């Protein structure tokens, strides 16, 4: 055992752990075992990188000497590598960041002291004075949250890119396969599976682009706001240098939060300290992408119903259960995303005066949602890639529908088309068969007018209408 002393007195700690007195007090007085920081290795890596960038900046502005900065940077690099993950014993659910930040500061300080003295524990490097120099939990942890979410969204977007590519391929390969469109689950007019997939692709693409915009906003961070936004405790020159070092560490264009229309200096930093509505926007972006995927999944689910009594227009040759599990998982993911955004709404502006302190549960929920999303989308992509079209069943459904009378209505008028539809329904025949058998339209004309492939193309339908309208005028 070893003894550490803080402002409240002394604390005994196991000699092998790198966390210190303040972390130990938190574990004793306020510990909720929901999601520990040790369960979130990416978050720890981000903390290490931010702390390293701060140490590099403090060295650059001569606030830390080379010896102290060197061992702090060394400890940060080991943290980035995951060496101290098990020492992050604070929880992520309840904390706005003080417990997590102090946990990190103590680990880095104690490891730095070990490098200098050979022993873990108090020494030349102090967790607050040196490791936390020019920082506050109130600006550092929101910065860590933003950058962690940015990196997680990268993985989600990579998965989305794979899905988008499959949708483009499906749209291309299905463009000549006719199906019957449906509105309100009732027969509509013919279209192609390629057009259906093209609509899916457009839906997904525009929502992905919106999520990219939401993600980009995460690179505007609160660091250097310190406690409330005033920047109290910043070493001279720190704000001017930190963002270059931070950007280099992450290889990202990270900037200080700013507001071009401000009337009070650093208004954006006070805003960042007080509010957390960015979680509403972010979860909205994620929810929109997942909802787009869920829409596609629901369509696949319904159109693959059967095989005898359902639509049976889609099917899988093998791994049917895996495909259906992927579709169902996407629907469940939408439910999780919706509940996550609802929590973000409840947490936003439900804070005390000058500090947003209710982000913990929202943050951990978003992390879980993003982790699930980056796993589910590839499974859904695989199901979409392997689905096949039942061409014969789809063509039959398109051909026999009374909705094809719409084509005749556009040429001969609504009443004429309605007459064809009623007769076809009563006699259980196609519109084409009725027109030929009852002599309503010459056979050659009827075959052209009720060609389902012609009906799927706007240019072809307009050309058809012009042709027969001209023919009617000529025959008068």
Protein backbone atom coordinates (compact mmCIF):
# COMPACT_ATOMS: atom_id res chain seq x y z
CA UNK A 1 0.00 0.00 0.00
CA UNK A 2 1.00 3.62 -0.48
CA UNK A 3 -0.29 6.85 1.03
CA UNK A 4 -1.32 9.94 -0.94
CA UNK A 5 -2.36 13.30 0.45
CA UNK A 6 -4.78 15.79 -1.09
CA UNK A 7 -6.66 18.82 0.21
CA UNK A 8 -8.96 16.65 2.29
CA UNK A 9 -6.27 14.58 3.98
CA UNK A 10 -4.51 11.28 3.34
CA UNK A 11 -5.74 8.22 1.45
CA UNK A 12 -4.26 4.72 1.29
CA UNK A 13 -4.05 3.13 -2.14
CA UNK A 14 -2.76 -0.16 -3.53
CA UNK A 15 0.85 0.38 -4.49
CA UNK A 16 0.37 -0.96 -8.04
CA UNK A 17 -2.44 1.35 -9.20
CA UNK A 18 -1.73 4.58 -11.05
CA UNK A 19 -4.83 6.53 -10.02
CA UNK A 20 -4.63 8.66 -6.91
CA UNK A 21 -6.39 10.17 -3.90
CA UNK A 22 -9.16 12.08 -5.67
CA UNK A 23 -10.14 9.06 -7.75
CA UNK A 24 -10.15 6.88 -4.64
CA UNK A 25 -12.44 9.34 -2.85
CA UNK A 26 -14.82 9.32 -5.79
CA UNK A 27 -14.97 5.52 -5.75
CA UNK A 28 -15.73 5.56 -2.05
CA UNK A 29 -18.29 8.37 -1.99
CA UNK A 30 -20.01 8.31 -5.38
CA UNK A 31 -19.63 5.17 -7.45
CA UNK A 32 -22.16 3.88 -9.96
CA UNK A 33 -21.08 0.79 -11.87
CA UNK A 34 -22.87 1.30 -15.16
CA UNK A 35 -20.34 2.09 -17.87
CA UNK A 36 -16.80 2.57 -16.64
CA UNK A 37 -14.30 4.62 -18.58
CA UNK A 38 -12.22 1.41 -18.80
CA UNK A 39 -15.05 0.01 -20.97
CA UNK A 40 -14.40 2.79 -23.51
CA UNK A 41 -10.83 2.38 -24.84
CA UNK A 42 -11.36 4.90 -27.64
CA UNK A 43 -12.35 7.55 -25.08
CA UNK A 44 -9.16 6.85 -23.09
CA UNK A 45 -7.10 7.16 -26.27
CA UNK A 46 -8.70 10.52 -27.00
CA UNK A 47 -8.02 11.74 -23.44
CA UNK A 48 -4.37 10.74 -23.86
CA UNK A 49 -4.07 12.62 -27.14
CA UNK A 50 -5.69 15.79 -25.77
CA UNK A 51 -3.50 15.69 -22.65
CA UNK A 52 -0.42 15.14 -24.82
CA UNK A 53 -1.31 18.12 -27.02
CA UNK A 54 -1.74 20.25 -23.89
CA UNK A 55 1.65 19.15 -22.53
CA UNK A 56 3.32 19.90 -25.87
CA UNK A 57 1.73 23.35 -25.85
CA UNK A 58 2.80 24.06 -22.26
CA UNK A 59 6.33 23.07 -23.25
CA UNK A 60 6.20 25.28 -26.34
CA UNK A 61 5.16 28.35 -24.33
CA UNK A 62 7.71 27.51 -21.59
CA UNK A 63 5.06 26.90 -18.93
CA UNK A 64 6.59 23.44 -18.43
CA UNK A 65 10.30 22.66 -18.63
CA UNK A 66 11.57 19.93 -20.94
CA UNK A 67 12.07 17.37 -18.16
CA UNK A 68 8.56 17.63 -16.76
CA UNK A 69 6.91 17.94 -20.13
CA UNK A 70 8.90 14.97 -21.41
CA UNK A 71 7.70 12.51 -18.78
CA UNK A 72 4.11 13.79 -19.01
CA UNK A 73 4.16 13.32 -22.79
CA UNK A 74 5.70 9.84 -22.35
CA UNK A 75 2.90 8.87 -19.94
CA UNK A 76 0.29 10.26 -22.35
CA UNK A 77 1.71 8.16 -25.17
CA UNK A 78 1.47 5.05 -23.02
CA UNK A 79 -2.13 5.99 -22.22
CA UNK A 80 -2.84 6.30 -25.93
CA UNK A 81 -1.42 2.79 -26.41
CA UNK A 82 -3.90 1.47 -23.81
CA UNK A 83 -1.39 0.69 -21.07
CA UNK A 84 -3.53 2.19 -18.27
CA UNK A 85 -7.06 1.27 -19.36
CA UNK A 86 -7.75 -0.81 -16.25
CA UNK A 87 -6.80 2.17 -14.07
CA UNK A 88 -9.74 4.18 -15.38
CA UNK A 89 -12.11 3.14 -12.63
CA UNK A 90 -14.47 6.13 -12.73
CA UNK A 91 -17.86 5.83 -14.40
CA UNK A 92 -18.92 7.56 -17.61
CA UNK A 93 -22.65 7.60 -16.99
CA UNK A 94 -22.91 10.04 -14.10
CA UNK A 95 -19.87 12.24 -14.67
CA UNK A 96 -19.77 15.49 -16.57
CA UNK A 97 -16.01 15.03 -16.55
CA UNK A 98 -14.42 15.99 -13.24
CA UNK A 99 -14.00 12.42 -12.05
CA UNK A 100 -12.73 11.23 -15.43
CA UNK A 101 -10.35 14.15 -15.85
CA UNK A 102 -8.87 13.73 -12.38
CA UNK A 103 -8.59 9.98 -12.93
CA UNK A 104 -6.54 10.73 -16.07
CA UNK A 105 -4.47 13.45 -14.40
CA UNK A 106 -3.51 11.15 -11.53
CA UNK A 107 -2.59 8.26 -13.82
CA UNK A 108 -0.39 10.50 -15.96
CA UNK A 109 1.21 12.20 -12.95
CA UNK A 110 1.91 8.96 -11.11
CA UNK A 111 3.38 7.32 -14.20
CA UNK A 112 5.48 10.45 -14.87
CA UNK A 113 6.74 10.33 -11.29
CA UNK A 114 7.56 6.65 -11.71
CA UNK A 115 9.65 7.53 -14.75
CA UNK A 116 11.49 10.18 -12.72
CA UNK A 117 11.83 8.44 -9.34
CA UNK A 118 11.22 4.76 -9.99
CA UNK A 119 8.13 4.73 -7.75
CA UNK A 120 4.40 5.21 -8.40
CA UNK A 121 2.94 8.02 -6.33
CA UNK A 122 3.55 11.65 -5.31
CA UNK A 123 6.65 13.29 -6.71
CA UNK A 124 7.81 16.21 -8.85
CA UNK A 125 4.77 15.98 -11.18
CA UNK A 126 1.48 17.09 -9.67
CA UNK A 127 -1.80 15.99 -11.34
CA UNK A 128 -3.37 19.44 -11.09
CA UNK A 129 -0.43 21.82 -11.27
CA UNK A 130 1.38 20.16 -14.16
CA UNK A 131 -0.79 17.60 -15.97
CA UNK A 132 -3.96 19.73 -15.86
CA UNK A 133 -2.14 22.99 -16.62
CA UNK A 134 -4.30 25.44 -18.64
CA UNK A 135 -7.22 23.00 -18.51
CA UNK A 136 -10.45 22.43 -16.63
CA UNK A 137 -12.67 19.38 -16.52
CA UNK A 138 -15.38 21.71 -17.84
CA UNK A 139 -13.61 22.33 -21.14
CA UNK A 140 -11.40 19.28 -21.48
CA UNK A 141 -14.06 16.59 -21.11
CA UNK A 142 -16.56 18.16 -23.54
CA UNK A 143 -13.66 18.35 -25.99
CA UNK A 144 -12.94 14.67 -25.39
CA UNK A 145 -16.63 13.84 -25.89
CA UNK A 146 -16.75 15.70 -29.19
CA UNK A 147 -13.61 14.11 -30.60
CA UNK A 148 -14.59 10.62 -29.44
CA UNK A 149 -17.95 10.94 -31.16
CA UNK A 150 -16.28 12.32 -34.29
CA UNK A 151 -14.08 9.23 -34.53
CA UNK A 152 -16.98 6.85 -33.88
CA UNK A 153 -19.02 8.54 -36.59
CA UNK A 154 -16.11 7.95 -38.96
CA UNK A 155 -16.65 4.22 -38.51
CA UNK A 156 -20.39 4.62 -39.06
CA UNK A 157 -19.83 6.64 -42.24
CA UNK A 158 -17.38 4.04 -43.54
CA UNK A 159 -20.07 1.39 -43.06
CA UNK A 160 -22.60 3.68 -44.78
CA UNK A 161 -20.27 4.11 -47.76
CA UNK A 162 -20.30 0.34 -48.23
CA UNK A 163 -24.10 0.28 -48.09
CA UNK A 164 -24.36 3.19 -50.53
CA UNK A 165 -22.12 1.38 -53.01
CA UNK A 166 -24.31 -1.73 -52.85
CA UNK A 167 -27.43 0.37 -53.42
CA UNK A 168 -25.85 1.94 -56.49
CA UNK A 169 -25.01 -1.53 -57.81
CA UNK A 170 -28.54 -2.78 -57.10
CA UNK A 171 -30.08 0.22 -58.86
CA UNK A 172 -27.93 -0.45 -61.92
CA UNK A 173 -28.44 -4.21 -62.04
CA UNK A 174 -32.21 -4.01 -61.42
CA UNK A 175 -32.98 -1.14 -63.79
CA UNK A 176 -34.62 -3.39 -66.38
CA UNK A 177 -36.67 -5.51 -63.98
CA UNK A 178 -40.33 -4.44 -63.87
CA UNK A 179 -42.40 -4.47 -60.70
CA UNK A 180 -45.76 -3.11 -59.68
CA UNK A 181 -45.57 0.04 -57.59
CA UNK A 182 -47.76 0.26 -54.50
CA UNK A 183 -49.27 3.19 -52.71
CA UNK A 184 -50.97 2.65 -49.34
CA UNK A 185 -50.30 -1.07 -50.00
CA UNK A 186 -52.67 -0.90 -52.98
CA UNK A 187 -51.78 -1.52 -56.62
CA UNK A 188 -50.26 1.51 -58.31
CA UNK A 189 -48.52 1.70 -61.70
CA UNK A 190 -45.47 -0.19 -62.98
CA UNK A 191 -41.94 0.87 -62.16
CA UNK A 192 -38.63 -0.98 -62.00
CA UNK A 193 -36.69 -2.42 -59.11
CA UNK A 194 -33.86 -0.19 -60.28
CA UNK A 195 -36.03 2.88 -59.74
CA UNK A 196 -36.96 1.58 -56.31
CA UNK A 197 -33.27 1.06 -55.43
CA UNK A 198 -32.41 4.44 -56.95
CA UNK A 199 -34.86 6.06 -54.57
CA UNK A 200 -33.29 4.16 -51.69
CA UNK A 201 -29.84 5.33 -52.77
CA UNK A 202 -30.93 8.97 -52.95
CA UNK A 203 -32.59 8.68 -49.53
CA UNK A 204 -29.49 7.25 -47.91
CA UNK A 205 -27.03 9.59 -49.65
CA UNK A 206 -28.69 12.85 -48.60
CA UNK A 207 -28.99 11.67 -45.00
CA UNK A 208 -25.35 10.58 -44.96
CA UNK A 209 -24.36 14.05 -46.16
CA UNK A 210 -26.40 15.61 -43.38
CA UNK A 211 -24.64 13.40 -40.83
CA UNK A 212 -21.28 14.48 -42.26
CA UNK A 213 -22.30 18.09 -41.62
CA UNK A 214 -23.26 17.20 -38.04
CA UNK A 215 -19.95 15.42 -37.61
CA UNK A 216 -17.92 18.38 -38.90
CA UNK A 217 -19.43 20.61 -36.19
CA UNK A 218 -17.81 18.36 -33.56
CA UNK A 219 -14.39 19.72 -34.53
CA UNK A 220 -15.33 23.09 -33.00
CA UNK A 221 -14.40 22.37 -29.38
CA UNK A 222 -14.63 24.03 -25.99
CA UNK A 223 -10.98 23.68 -25.01
CA UNK A 224 -9.52 26.90 -23.48
CA UNK A 225 -12.92 27.89 -22.09
CA UNK A 226 -11.63 26.41 -18.79
CA UNK A 227 -14.15 26.63 -15.95
CA UNK A 228 -17.06 28.60 -17.44
CA UNK A 229 -15.79 30.21 -20.63
CA UNK A 230 -13.65 33.01 -19.22
CA UNK A 231 -10.40 31.13 -19.81
CA UNK A 232 -9.29 31.67 -16.22
CA UNK A 233 -6.07 29.80 -15.45
CA UNK A 234 -4.79 29.72 -19.04
CA UNK A 235 -1.05 30.16 -19.36
CA UNK A 236 -0.12 33.10 -21.65
CA UNK A 237 0.08 31.87 -25.24
CA UNK A 238 -1.70 28.57 -24.59
CA UNK A 239 -4.84 29.39 -26.58
CA UNK A 240 -2.78 30.60 -29.53
CA UNK A 241 -0.78 27.33 -29.75
CA UNK A 242 -3.00 24.49 -28.51
CA UNK A 243 -5.22 24.03 -31.55
CA UNK A 244 -2.30 23.51 -33.91
CA UNK A 245 -0.89 20.83 -31.60
CA UNK A 246 -4.32 19.29 -31.08
CA UNK A 247 -4.97 19.20 -34.83
CA UNK A 248 -1.59 17.58 -35.45
CA UNK A 249 -2.22 14.94 -32.82
CA UNK A 250 -5.54 13.89 -34.35
CA UNK A 251 -4.71 14.81 -37.96
CA UNK A 252 -7.96 16.79 -38.02
CA UNK A 253 -8.73 20.54 -38.42
CA UNK A 254 -9.78 21.16 -34.81
CA UNK A 255 -10.74 24.72 -33.90
CA UNK A 256 -11.99 26.69 -30.95
CA UNK A 257 -15.76 27.18 -30.78
CA UNK A 258 -16.56 30.57 -32.26
CA UNK A 259 -19.54 32.80 -33.00
CA UNK A 260 -19.12 35.36 -35.79
CA UNK A 261 -22.02 37.52 -34.63
CA UNK A 262 -20.90 37.68 -31.00
CA UNK A 263 -21.52 40.85 -29.03
CA UNK A 264 -19.63 39.53 -26.00
CA UNK A 265 -16.11 38.18 -26.45
CA UNK A 266 -15.98 34.36 -26.48
CA UNK A 267 -19.77 34.02 -26.54
CA UNK A 268 -19.40 30.60 -28.19
CA UNK A 269 -17.31 29.36 -25.26
CA UNK A 270 -19.93 30.45 -22.74
CA UNK A 271 -22.52 28.75 -24.93
CA UNK A 272 -20.39 25.56 -25.06
CA UNK A 273 -20.08 25.59 -21.28
CA UNK A 274 -23.76 26.16 -20.60
CA UNK A 275 -25.46 24.03 -23.25
CA UNK A 276 -25.38 20.58 -24.82
CA UNK A 277 -27.94 20.88 -27.61
CA UNK A 278 -25.32 19.64 -30.09
CA UNK A 279 -26.35 16.18 -28.91
CA UNK A 280 -29.86 16.80 -30.27
CA UNK A 281 -28.45 17.72 -33.68
CA UNK A 282 -26.00 14.82 -33.67
CA UNK A 283 -28.52 12.18 -32.63
CA UNK A 284 -30.90 13.66 -35.20
CA UNK A 285 -28.31 13.10 -37.92
CA UNK A 286 -27.65 9.54 -36.80
CA UNK A 287 -31.37 8.86 -36.45
CA UNK A 288 -32.00 10.15 -39.98
CA UNK A 289 -29.43 7.76 -41.47
CA UNK A 290 -30.74 4.83 -39.45
CA UNK A 291 -34.34 5.70 -40.31
CA UNK A 292 -33.41 5.70 -44.00
CA UNK A 293 -31.86 2.25 -43.59
CA UNK A 294 -34.86 1.08 -41.59
CA UNK A 295 -37.18 2.20 -44.38
CA UNK A 296 -35.23 0.08 -46.86
CA UNK A 297 -35.16 -2.84 -44.43
CA UNK A 298 -38.93 -2.63 -43.94
CA UNK A 299 -39.47 -2.66 -47.72
CA UNK A 300 -37.25 -5.72 -48.10
CA UNK A 301 -38.99 -7.41 -45.19
CA UNK A 302 -42.45 -6.88 -46.67
CA UNK A 303 -41.62 -7.62 -50.30
CA UNK A 304 -39.86 -10.86 -49.34
CA UNK A 305 -42.93 -12.14 -47.48
CA UNK A 306 -44.16 -15.51 -48.60
CA UNK A 307 -43.18 -17.71 -50.24
CA UNK A 308 -46.73 -18.68 -51.18
CA UNK A 309 -49.13 -16.20 -49.62
CA UNK A 310 -47.00 -13.06 -49.50
CA UNK A 311 -45.48 -10.66 -52.02
CA UNK A 312 -42.55 -12.99 -52.71
CA UNK A 313 -40.86 -10.47 -55.01
CA UNK A 314 -37.56 -10.65 -53.09
CA UNK A 315 -35.88 -13.79 -51.78
CA UNK A 316 -32.58 -15.09 -50.48
CA UNK A 317 -31.11 -18.29 -51.89
CA UNK A 318 -29.36 -19.09 -48.62
CA UNK A 319 -28.85 -17.70 -45.11
CA UNK A 320 -32.46 -16.52 -45.04
CA UNK A 321 -32.54 -16.38 -41.25
CA UNK A 322 -29.37 -14.27 -41.19
CA UNK A 323 -30.89 -11.84 -43.68
CA UNK A 324 -34.09 -11.48 -41.70
CA UNK A 325 -32.12 -10.99 -38.49
CA UNK A 326 -30.23 -8.15 -40.19
CA UNK A 327 -33.49 -6.52 -41.31
CA UNK A 328 -35.00 -6.83 -37.84
CA UNK A 329 -31.81 -5.49 -36.23
CA UNK A 330 -32.05 -2.38 -38.39
CA UNK A 331 -35.61 -1.74 -37.21
CA UNK A 332 -34.53 -2.20 -33.58
CA UNK A 333 -31.62 0.16 -34.19
CA UNK A 334 -34.08 2.85 -35.26
CA UNK A 335 -35.96 2.37 -32.00
CA UNK A 336 -32.72 2.78 -30.06
CA UNK A 337 -31.77 5.90 -32.05
CA UNK A 338 -35.17 7.47 -31.41
CA UNK A 339 -34.91 6.84 -27.67
CA UNK A 340 -31.36 8.19 -27.71
CA UNK A 341 -32.48 11.45 -29.29
CA UNK A 342 -35.35 11.70 -26.83
CA UNK A 343 -32.84 11.44 -23.98
CA UNK A 344 -30.74 14.16 -25.64
CA UNK A 345 -33.80 16.41 -25.73
CA UNK A 346 -34.52 15.73 -22.06
CA UNK A 347 -30.90 16.44 -21.08
CA UNK A 348 -30.50 19.62 -23.12
CA UNK A 349 -30.95 22.81 -21.11
CA UNK A 350 -31.89 20.77 -18.07
CA UNK A 351 -28.78 22.12 -16.36
CA UNK A 352 -27.77 24.46 -13.60
CA UNK A 353 -27.09 28.03 -14.65
CA UNK A 354 -23.59 28.24 -16.14
CA UNK A 355 -22.61 24.61 -16.75
CA UNK A 356 -24.13 21.72 -18.70
CA UNK A 357 -23.84 18.80 -16.29
CA UNK A 358 -26.44 16.34 -17.59
CA UNK A 359 -24.59 15.00 -20.60
CA UNK A 360 -23.27 11.77 -19.07
CA UNK A 361 -26.17 9.48 -19.82
CA UNK A 362 -26.70 11.01 -23.28
CA UNK A 363 -23.03 10.61 -24.15
CA UNK A 364 -22.86 6.96 -23.13
CA UNK A 365 -26.11 6.23 -24.96
CA UNK A 366 -24.77 7.82 -28.15
CA UNK A 367 -21.59 5.76 -27.86
CA UNK A 368 -23.62 2.56 -27.55
CA UNK A 369 -25.81 3.61 -30.47
CA UNK A 370 -22.81 4.36 -32.71
CA UNK A 371 -21.08 1.10 -31.79
CA UNK A 372 -24.26 -0.84 -32.60
CA UNK A 373 -24.73 1.11 -35.83
CA UNK A 374 -21.25 0.35 -37.15
CA UNK A 375 -21.96 -3.35 -36.51
CA UNK A 376 -25.52 -3.57 -37.85
CA UNK A 377 -25.08 -1.64 -41.12
CA UNK A 378 -22.52 -4.12 -42.54
CA UNK A 379 -24.89 -6.99 -41.73
CA UNK A 380 -27.71 -5.12 -43.46
CA UNK A 381 -25.42 -4.38 -46.42
CA UNK A 382 -24.63 -8.10 -46.74
CA UNK A 383 -28.36 -8.94 -46.75
CA UNK A 384 -29.02 -6.35 -49.46
CA UNK A 385 -26.08 -7.54 -51.52
CA UNK A 386 -27.33 -11.14 -51.48
CA UNK A 387 -31.04 -10.55 -52.07
CA UNK A 388 -32.51 -11.71 -55.39
CA UNK A 389 -35.54 -10.54 -57.35
CA UNK A 390 -38.31 -13.01 -58.23
CA UNK A 391 -38.60 -11.61 -61.77
CA UNK A 392 -41.47 -13.83 -62.92
CA UNK A 393 -43.63 -13.12 -59.87
CA UNK A 394 -42.90 -9.39 -60.04
CA UNK A 395 -43.72 -9.19 -63.75
CA UNK A 396 -46.94 -11.16 -63.28
CA UNK A 397 -48.04 -8.83 -60.47
CA UNK A 398 -47.33 -5.81 -62.66
CA UNK A 399 -49.12 -7.27 -65.70
CA UNK A 400 -52.39 -8.38 -64.07
CA UNK A 401 -53.04 -5.27 -62.00
CA UNK A 402 -56.10 -3.22 -62.88
CA UNK A 403 -53.99 -0.15 -62.13
CA UNK A 404 -52.65 -0.45 -65.68
CA UNK A 405 -55.90 1.13 -66.83
CA UNK A 406 -54.21 4.42 -65.90
CA UNK A 407 -52.33 4.23 -69.19
CA UNK A 408 -55.58 4.02 -71.19
CA UNK A 409 -57.13 6.81 -69.10
CA UNK A 410 -54.32 9.18 -70.05
CA UNK A 411 -55.16 8.63 -73.72
CA UNK A 412 -58.90 7.95 -73.92
CA UNK A 413 -60.11 9.66 -70.75
CA UNK A 414 -60.87 8.72 -67.15
CA UNK A 415 -64.26 7.09 -67.78
CA UNK A 416 -62.83 4.81 -70.46
CA UNK A 417 -59.99 3.72 -68.19
CA UNK A 418 -62.36 3.11 -65.28
CA UNK A 419 -64.53 0.92 -67.51
CA UNK A 420 -61.51 -1.23 -68.41
CA UNK A 421 -60.44 -1.52 -64.77
CA UNK A 422 -63.90 -2.61 -63.60
CA UNK A 423 -64.26 -5.24 -66.35
CA UNK A 424 -60.76 -6.58 -65.67
CA UNK A 425 -61.48 -6.85 -61.94
CA UNK A 426 -64.86 -8.56 -62.45
CA UNK A 427 -63.57 -11.11 -64.95
CA UNK A 428 -60.19 -11.68 -63.25
CA UNK A 429 -58.36 -10.77 -66.44
CA UNK A 430 -55.67 -8.25 -67.29
CA UNK A 431 -56.55 -4.87 -68.80
CA UNK A 432 -54.84 -5.98 -72.02
CA UNK A 433 -56.94 -9.14 -72.23
CA UNK A 434 -60.18 -7.20 -71.67
CA UNK A 435 -59.38 -4.61 -74.34
CA UNK A 436 -58.60 -7.32 -76.90
CA UNK A 437 -61.42 -9.72 -76.05
CA UNK A 438 -64.07 -6.98 -76.00
CA UNK A 439 -62.66 -5.01 -78.91
CA UNK A 440 -62.22 -1.85 -76.85
CA UNK A 441 -58.82 -1.07 -78.38
CA UNK A 442 -57.24 -2.62 -81.47
CA UNK A 443 -54.96 -5.48 -80.44
CA UNK A 444 -51.77 -3.93 -81.81
CA UNK A 445 -52.52 -0.62 -80.09
CA UNK A 446 -53.50 -2.33 -76.84
CA UNK A 447 -50.25 -4.26 -76.64
CA UNK A 448 -48.31 -1.01 -76.98
CA UNK A 449 -50.51 0.96 -74.57
CA UNK A 450 -50.32 -1.75 -71.87
CA UNK A 451 -46.61 -2.50 -72.26
CA UNK A 452 -45.49 -2.38 -68.63
CA UNK A 453 -41.89 -1.54 -69.56
CA UNK A 454 -43.03 1.53 -71.46
CA UNK A 455 -44.97 2.66 -68.40
CA UNK A 456 -41.81 2.74 -66.24
CA UNK A 457 -40.14 5.54 -68.24
CA UNK A 458 -41.42 9.09 -68.24
CA UNK A 459 -40.09 9.88 -71.71
CA UNK A 460 -41.70 6.74 -73.17
CA UNK A 461 -45.10 7.36 -71.60
CA UNK A 462 -45.15 10.94 -72.87
CA UNK A 463 -44.19 9.78 -76.34
CA UNK A 464 -46.94 7.13 -76.21
CA UNK A 465 -49.58 9.65 -75.15
CA UNK A 466 -48.57 12.08 -77.91
CA UNK A 467 -48.71 9.29 -80.50
CA UNK A 468 -52.23 8.12 -79.62
CA UNK A 469 -53.63 11.59 -79.00
CA UNK A 470 -52.45 12.50 -82.49
CA UNK A 471 -54.00 9.30 -83.80
CA UNK A 472 -57.33 10.20 -82.19
CA UNK A 473 -57.25 13.69 -83.69
CA UNK A 474 -56.47 12.23 -87.13
CA UNK A 475 -59.38 9.73 -86.91
CA UNK A 476 -61.97 12.38 -86.00
